[in-house]
Amino acid sequence: MDKDFTGLCMVNLADFDSLYGHTRDVLGYGHAIEELDVDIPIILNKLEIDDLLIITADHGNDPTFKGNDHTRENVPVIIYSRNFKEPKILPPFETFANIGATIADNFDVDAPDIGTSILDDLI
């Protein structure tokens, strides 16, 4: 985040899934959340005025659930920009594809065939 660039930066925090979710390591999962909580203010302070931060997951993986497969709960979506005037709670998405449509809208490129951008709802 210390490099100045234009474009999309996608980061996969795979440990939540592979190290703690699938193995049902509740303490490890909790520790990982605590570590991320410490890093979030650092990340927010490095964002430029026109940056858009989206934190989400591609599927659920509840470490308290039986088995070791993915779980089916809704995934959280946190979207932040210094341009936002006030925090708000958005209604649940009909499809995860809204994330892709919102990213396409943010970069003013052709939107995917599915999903609806929520970019205008954020500002």
N, C-alpha and C. Protein backbone atom coordinates (compact mmCIF):
# COMPACT_ATOMS: atom_id res chain seq x y z
N MET A 1 0.81 -1.20 0.00
CA MET A 1 0.00 0.00 0.00
C MET A 1 0.85 1.26 0.00
N ASP A 2 2.13 1.10 0.12
CA ASP A 2 3.00 2.27 0.11
C ASP A 2 3.35 2.72 -1.31
N LYS A 3 2.99 1.92 -2.33
CA LYS A 3 3.27 2.28 -3.71
C LYS A 3 2.08 3.02 -4.31
N ASP A 4 2.37 4.07 -5.05
CA ASP A 4 1.33 4.83 -5.74
C ASP A 4 1.07 4.15 -7.08
N PHE A 5 -0.18 3.79 -7.34
CA PHE A 5 -0.51 3.17 -8.61
C PHE A 5 -1.98 3.44 -8.93
N THR A 6 -2.33 3.20 -10.18
CA THR A 6 -3.71 3.28 -10.62
C THR A 6 -4.11 1.89 -11.07
N GLY A 7 -5.22 1.42 -10.58
CA GLY A 7 -5.69 0.10 -10.98
C GLY A 7 -6.34 -0.63 -9.83
N LEU A 8 -6.44 -1.92 -10.00
CA LEU A 8 -7.10 -2.79 -9.02
C LEU A 8 -6.05 -3.58 -8.25
N CYS A 9 -6.15 -3.56 -6.94
CA CYS A 9 -5.30 -4.38 -6.09
C CYS A 9 -6.22 -5.35 -5.36
N MET A 10 -6.05 -6.63 -5.60
CA MET A 10 -6.87 -7.65 -4.95
C MET A 10 -5.98 -8.47 -4.04
N VAL A 11 -6.38 -8.61 -2.78
CA VAL A 11 -5.60 -9.35 -1.80
C VAL A 11 -6.47 -10.48 -1.27
N ASN A 12 -5.94 -11.67 -1.26
CA ASN A 12 -6.65 -12.84 -0.74
C ASN A 12 -6.07 -13.20 0.62
N LEU A 13 -6.88 -13.07 1.65
CA LEU A 13 -6.46 -13.44 3.01
C LEU A 13 -6.82 -14.91 3.22
N ALA A 14 -6.07 -15.77 2.59
CA ALA A 14 -6.40 -17.19 2.49
C ALA A 14 -6.36 -17.93 3.83
N ASP A 15 -5.60 -17.43 4.79
CA ASP A 15 -5.49 -18.14 6.07
C ASP A 15 -6.83 -18.31 6.76
N PHE A 16 -7.73 -17.32 6.63
CA PHE A 16 -9.05 -17.47 7.24
C PHE A 16 -9.72 -18.75 6.75
N ASP A 17 -9.56 -19.05 5.48
CA ASP A 17 -10.19 -20.21 4.86
C ASP A 17 -9.37 -21.49 5.09
N SER A 18 -8.15 -21.48 4.59
CA SER A 18 -7.38 -22.72 4.55
C SER A 18 -6.82 -23.15 5.90
N LEU A 19 -6.33 -22.21 6.69
CA LEU A 19 -5.73 -22.58 7.97
C LEU A 19 -6.73 -22.72 9.11
N TYR A 20 -7.80 -21.90 9.08
CA TYR A 20 -8.69 -21.87 10.23
C TYR A 20 -10.12 -22.32 9.94
N GLY A 21 -10.67 -21.97 8.78
CA GLY A 21 -12.04 -22.35 8.45
C GLY A 21 -12.20 -23.83 8.20
N HIS A 22 -11.43 -24.36 7.25
CA HIS A 22 -11.54 -25.78 6.90
C HIS A 22 -11.13 -26.70 8.04
N THR A 23 -10.19 -26.26 8.83
CA THR A 23 -9.71 -27.10 9.94
C THR A 23 -10.55 -26.89 11.20
N ARG A 24 -11.50 -25.96 11.13
CA ARG A 24 -12.39 -25.65 12.25
C ARG A 24 -11.61 -25.22 13.49
N ASP A 25 -10.59 -24.41 13.25
CA ASP A 25 -9.75 -23.88 14.32
C ASP A 25 -10.35 -22.55 14.78
N VAL A 26 -11.25 -22.62 15.76
CA VAL A 26 -11.96 -21.43 16.22
C VAL A 26 -11.00 -20.41 16.83
N LEU A 27 -10.07 -20.86 17.65
CA LEU A 27 -9.13 -19.92 18.28
C LEU A 27 -8.23 -19.27 17.23
N GLY A 28 -7.73 -20.05 16.28
CA GLY A 28 -6.90 -19.49 15.22
C GLY A 28 -7.67 -18.48 14.38
N TYR A 29 -8.92 -18.79 14.08
CA TYR A 29 -9.78 -17.89 13.31
C TYR A 29 -9.97 -16.58 14.07
N GLY A 30 -10.25 -16.70 15.37
CA GLY A 30 -10.43 -15.51 16.19
C GLY A 30 -9.17 -14.67 16.25
N HIS A 31 -8.03 -15.33 16.36
CA HIS A 31 -6.74 -14.63 16.37
C HIS A 31 -6.51 -13.88 15.06
N ALA A 32 -6.84 -14.51 13.95
CA ALA A 32 -6.67 -13.88 12.64
C ALA A 32 -7.56 -12.64 12.52
N ILE A 33 -8.78 -12.72 13.04
CA ILE A 33 -9.68 -11.55 13.03
C ILE A 33 -9.09 -10.43 13.88
N GLU A 34 -8.56 -10.78 15.05
CA GLU A 34 -7.95 -9.76 15.91
C GLU A 34 -6.76 -9.09 15.23
N GLU A 35 -5.94 -9.87 14.51
CA GLU A 35 -4.80 -9.30 13.79
C GLU A 35 -5.27 -8.37 12.69
N LEU A 36 -6.31 -8.76 11.96
CA LEU A 36 -6.85 -7.92 10.90
C LEU A 36 -7.44 -6.63 11.49
N ASP A 37 -8.10 -6.74 12.63
CA ASP A 37 -8.66 -5.56 13.29
C ASP A 37 -7.58 -4.51 13.59
N VAL A 38 -6.39 -4.95 13.95
CA VAL A 38 -5.29 -4.03 14.21
C VAL A 38 -4.81 -3.39 12.90
N ASP A 39 -4.84 -4.14 11.81
CA ASP A 39 -4.34 -3.63 10.53
C ASP A 39 -5.33 -2.70 9.81
N ILE A 40 -6.62 -2.83 10.08
CA ILE A 40 -7.61 -2.03 9.35
C ILE A 40 -7.34 -0.52 9.47
N PRO A 41 -7.10 0.05 10.66
CA PRO A 41 -6.81 1.50 10.70
C PRO A 41 -5.56 1.88 9.91
N ILE A 42 -4.58 1.02 9.90
CA ILE A 42 -3.36 1.29 9.12
C ILE A 42 -3.69 1.33 7.64
N ILE A 43 -4.51 0.38 7.20
CA ILE A 43 -4.94 0.33 5.79
C ILE A 43 -5.74 1.58 5.45
N LEU A 44 -6.70 1.94 6.28
CA LEU A 44 -7.54 3.11 6.01
C LEU A 44 -6.71 4.38 5.91
N ASN A 45 -5.71 4.51 6.74
CA ASN A 45 -4.87 5.71 6.71
C ASN A 45 -3.99 5.81 5.47
N LYS A 46 -3.80 4.71 4.77
CA LYS A 46 -2.97 4.72 3.57
C LYS A 46 -3.79 4.93 2.29
N LEU A 47 -5.11 4.94 2.41
CA LEU A 47 -5.96 5.13 1.24
C LEU A 47 -5.94 6.57 0.77
N GLU A 48 -5.92 6.75 -0.54
CA GLU A 48 -6.03 8.07 -1.14
C GLU A 48 -7.50 8.47 -1.21
N ILE A 49 -7.77 9.72 -1.49
CA ILE A 49 -9.14 10.23 -1.47
C ILE A 49 -10.06 9.50 -2.45
N ASP A 50 -9.54 9.06 -3.58
CA ASP A 50 -10.40 8.41 -4.58
C ASP A 50 -10.29 6.88 -4.57
N ASP A 51 -9.63 6.32 -3.57
CA ASP A 51 -9.54 4.86 -3.46
C ASP A 51 -10.85 4.27 -2.95
N LEU A 52 -11.14 3.07 -3.38
CA LEU A 52 -12.32 2.33 -2.94
C LEU A 52 -11.85 1.01 -2.36
N LEU A 53 -12.13 0.79 -1.09
CA LEU A 53 -11.75 -0.44 -0.40
C LEU A 53 -12.99 -1.32 -0.24
N ILE A 54 -12.89 -2.56 -0.69
CA ILE A 54 -13.99 -3.52 -0.53
C ILE A 54 -13.42 -4.73 0.20
N ILE A 55 -13.99 -5.04 1.35
CA ILE A 55 -13.59 -6.22 2.11
C ILE A 55 -14.75 -7.19 2.10
N THR A 56 -14.50 -8.39 1.62
CA THR A 56 -15.55 -9.40 1.56
C THR A 56 -14.91 -10.78 1.52
N ALA A 57 -15.69 -11.77 1.27
CA ALA A 57 -15.21 -13.14 1.14
C ALA A 57 -15.90 -13.78 -0.05
N ASP A 58 -15.33 -14.84 -0.59
CA ASP A 58 -15.95 -15.49 -1.74
C ASP A 58 -16.91 -16.61 -1.32
N HIS A 59 -16.90 -16.94 -0.04
CA HIS A 59 -17.82 -17.96 0.50
C HIS A 59 -17.69 -17.97 2.00
N GLY A 60 -18.61 -18.63 2.64
CA GLY A 60 -18.52 -18.78 4.08
C GLY A 60 -17.66 -19.97 4.46
N ASN A 61 -17.12 -19.92 5.65
CA ASN A 61 -16.37 -21.05 6.19
C ASN A 61 -16.36 -20.93 7.71
N ASP A 62 -17.52 -21.16 8.31
CA ASP A 62 -17.72 -21.00 9.74
C ASP A 62 -16.88 -22.04 10.50
N PRO A 63 -15.91 -21.57 11.30
CA PRO A 63 -15.03 -22.52 12.00
C PRO A 63 -15.74 -23.30 13.10
N THR A 64 -16.97 -22.92 13.45
CA THR A 64 -17.70 -23.65 14.49
C THR A 64 -18.64 -24.69 13.91
N PHE A 65 -18.75 -24.77 12.59
CA PHE A 65 -19.67 -25.70 11.94
C PHE A 65 -19.04 -27.08 11.81
N LYS A 66 -19.85 -28.11 11.74
CA LYS A 66 -19.33 -29.48 11.60
C LYS A 66 -18.73 -29.68 10.20
N GLY A 67 -17.86 -30.65 10.09
CA GLY A 67 -17.24 -30.97 8.80
C GLY A 67 -16.12 -30.01 8.47
N ASN A 68 -15.63 -30.09 7.22
CA ASN A 68 -14.55 -29.18 6.82
C ASN A 68 -14.80 -28.51 5.47
N ASP A 69 -16.05 -28.55 5.01
CA ASP A 69 -16.41 -27.91 3.75
C ASP A 69 -16.79 -26.45 3.97
N HIS A 70 -16.96 -25.72 2.86
CA HIS A 70 -17.46 -24.35 2.94
C HIS A 70 -18.85 -24.37 3.57
N THR A 71 -19.21 -23.28 4.21
CA THR A 71 -20.53 -23.16 4.82
C THR A 71 -21.33 -22.11 4.06
N ARG A 72 -22.61 -22.05 4.32
CA ARG A 72 -23.50 -21.31 3.43
C ARG A 72 -24.03 -19.98 3.97
N GLU A 73 -23.45 -19.45 5.03
CA GLU A 73 -23.94 -18.16 5.53
C GLU A 73 -23.59 -17.05 4.54
N ASN A 74 -24.32 -15.95 4.65
CA ASN A 74 -24.00 -14.78 3.84
C ASN A 74 -22.63 -14.26 4.26
N VAL A 75 -21.88 -13.76 3.30
CA VAL A 75 -20.56 -13.21 3.63
C VAL A 75 -20.69 -11.71 3.87
N PRO A 76 -19.86 -11.17 4.74
CA PRO A 76 -19.91 -9.72 4.99
C PRO A 76 -19.34 -8.95 3.81
N VAL A 77 -19.81 -7.74 3.65
CA VAL A 77 -19.26 -6.82 2.65
C VAL A 77 -19.10 -5.47 3.34
N ILE A 78 -17.87 -5.00 3.40
CA ILE A 78 -17.58 -3.68 3.96
C ILE A 78 -16.94 -2.87 2.84
N ILE A 79 -17.50 -1.70 2.55
CA ILE A 79 -17.01 -0.86 1.47
C ILE A 79 -16.69 0.51 2.06
N TYR A 80 -15.50 1.02 1.77
CA TYR A 80 -15.07 2.28 2.35
C TYR A 80 -14.34 3.14 1.32
N SER A 81 -14.57 4.43 1.42
CA SER A 81 -13.80 5.42 0.67
C SER A 81 -13.81 6.71 1.47
N ARG A 82 -12.74 7.47 1.36
CA ARG A 82 -12.72 8.77 2.03
C ARG A 82 -13.76 9.71 1.43
N ASN A 83 -14.24 9.41 0.23
CA ASN A 83 -15.27 10.23 -0.42
C ASN A 83 -16.66 10.03 0.18
N PHE A 84 -16.87 8.98 0.93
CA PHE A 84 -18.20 8.73 1.49
C PHE A 84 -18.52 9.78 2.54
N LYS A 85 -19.73 10.28 2.49
CA LYS A 85 -20.13 11.36 3.40
C LYS A 85 -20.55 10.84 4.76
N GLU A 86 -21.17 9.67 4.82
CA GLU A 86 -21.63 9.11 6.09
C GLU A 86 -21.74 7.59 5.98
N PRO A 87 -21.58 6.90 7.08
CA PRO A 87 -21.73 5.44 7.04
C PRO A 87 -23.19 5.07 6.82
N LYS A 88 -23.41 3.92 6.22
CA LYS A 88 -24.78 3.45 6.01
C LYS A 88 -24.79 1.93 5.92
N ILE A 89 -25.93 1.39 6.16
CA ILE A 89 -26.14 -0.05 6.01
C ILE A 89 -26.95 -0.25 4.74
N LEU A 90 -26.40 -1.05 3.84
CA LEU A 90 -27.08 -1.34 2.58
C LEU A 90 -27.93 -2.59 2.73
N PRO A 91 -28.98 -2.71 1.93
CA PRO A 91 -29.76 -3.95 1.97
C PRO A 91 -28.92 -5.11 1.45
N PRO A 92 -29.26 -6.33 1.82
CA PRO A 92 -28.51 -7.50 1.32
C PRO A 92 -28.52 -7.54 -0.21
N PHE A 93 -27.41 -7.97 -0.77
CA PHE A 93 -27.30 -8.11 -2.22
C PHE A 93 -28.11 -9.31 -2.70
N GLU A 94 -28.70 -9.19 -3.88
CA GLU A 94 -29.35 -10.34 -4.48
C GLU A 94 -28.33 -11.32 -5.04
N THR A 95 -27.14 -10.79 -5.37
CA THR A 95 -26.09 -11.63 -5.94
C THR A 95 -24.72 -11.05 -5.57
N PHE A 96 -23.78 -11.94 -5.40
CA PHE A 96 -22.40 -11.54 -5.14
C PHE A 96 -21.82 -10.80 -6.34
N ALA A 97 -22.43 -10.97 -7.50
CA ALA A 97 -21.96 -10.32 -8.72
C ALA A 97 -22.06 -8.80 -8.64
N ASN A 98 -22.80 -8.28 -7.66
CA ASN A 98 -22.85 -6.82 -7.48
C ASN A 98 -21.48 -6.25 -7.17
N ILE A 99 -20.63 -7.04 -6.54
CA ILE A 99 -19.26 -6.58 -6.25
C ILE A 99 -18.52 -6.32 -7.56
N GLY A 100 -18.56 -7.27 -8.46
CA GLY A 100 -17.90 -7.10 -9.76
C GLY A 100 -18.47 -5.94 -10.54
N ALA A 101 -19.80 -5.80 -10.52
CA ALA A 101 -20.44 -4.69 -11.24
C ALA A 101 -20.03 -3.35 -10.63
N THR A 102 -19.89 -3.30 -9.32
CA THR A 102 -19.49 -2.06 -8.65
C THR A 102 -18.04 -1.72 -8.98
N ILE A 103 -17.18 -2.71 -9.01
CA ILE A 103 -15.77 -2.48 -9.39
C ILE A 103 -15.69 -1.98 -10.83
N ALA A 104 -16.46 -2.60 -11.74
CA ALA A 104 -16.46 -2.15 -13.13
C ALA A 104 -16.94 -0.71 -13.24
N ASP A 105 -17.98 -0.37 -12.50
CA ASP A 105 -18.50 0.99 -12.50
C ASP A 105 -17.46 1.96 -11.95
N ASN A 106 -16.76 1.58 -10.91
CA ASN A 106 -15.73 2.43 -10.31
C ASN A 106 -14.63 2.77 -11.31
N PHE A 107 -14.27 1.80 -12.16
CA PHE A 107 -13.21 2.01 -13.15
C PHE A 107 -13.75 2.43 -14.51
N ASP A 108 -15.07 2.62 -14.59
CA ASP A 108 -15.72 3.05 -15.82
C ASP A 108 -15.38 2.13 -16.99
N VAL A 109 -15.52 0.83 -16.74
CA VAL A 109 -15.33 -0.18 -17.78
C VAL A 109 -16.64 -0.94 -17.96
N ASP A 110 -16.73 -1.73 -19.01
CA ASP A 110 -17.96 -2.49 -19.27
C ASP A 110 -18.29 -3.38 -18.08
N ALA A 111 -19.54 -3.34 -17.70
CA ALA A 111 -20.01 -4.15 -16.57
C ALA A 111 -20.21 -5.59 -17.00
N PRO A 112 -20.09 -6.53 -16.07
CA PRO A 112 -20.39 -7.93 -16.39
C PRO A 112 -21.88 -8.07 -16.70
N ASP A 113 -22.26 -9.19 -17.28
CA ASP A 113 -23.66 -9.43 -17.66
C ASP A 113 -24.58 -9.61 -16.46
N ILE A 114 -24.01 -10.00 -15.33
CA ILE A 114 -24.84 -10.16 -14.14
C ILE A 114 -24.36 -9.21 -13.05
N GLY A 115 -25.24 -8.88 -12.14
CA GLY A 115 -24.90 -7.98 -11.05
C GLY A 115 -25.27 -6.54 -11.36
N THR A 116 -25.48 -5.79 -10.29
CA THR A 116 -25.85 -4.38 -10.40
C THR A 116 -24.88 -3.56 -9.56
N SER A 117 -24.35 -2.51 -10.13
CA SER A 117 -23.45 -1.65 -9.39
C SER A 117 -24.22 -0.92 -8.28
N ILE A 118 -23.60 -0.81 -7.12
CA ILE A 118 -24.16 -0.05 -6.01
C ILE A 118 -23.33 1.21 -5.75
N LEU A 119 -22.45 1.54 -6.67
CA LEU A 119 -21.53 2.67 -6.45
C LEU A 119 -22.28 3.96 -6.13
N ASP A 120 -23.34 4.25 -6.86
CA ASP A 120 -24.09 5.49 -6.61
C ASP A 120 -24.77 5.47 -5.24
N ASP A 121 -25.08 4.30 -4.73
CA ASP A 121 -25.73 4.20 -3.40
C ASP A 121 -24.74 4.44 -2.27
N LEU A 122 -23.45 4.39 -2.55
CA LEU A 122 -22.44 4.49 -1.52
C LEU A 122 -22.09 5.93 -1.16
N ILE A 123 -22.18 6.81 -2.12
CA ILE A 123 -21.74 8.20 -1.93
C ILE A 123 -22.77 9.02 -1.28
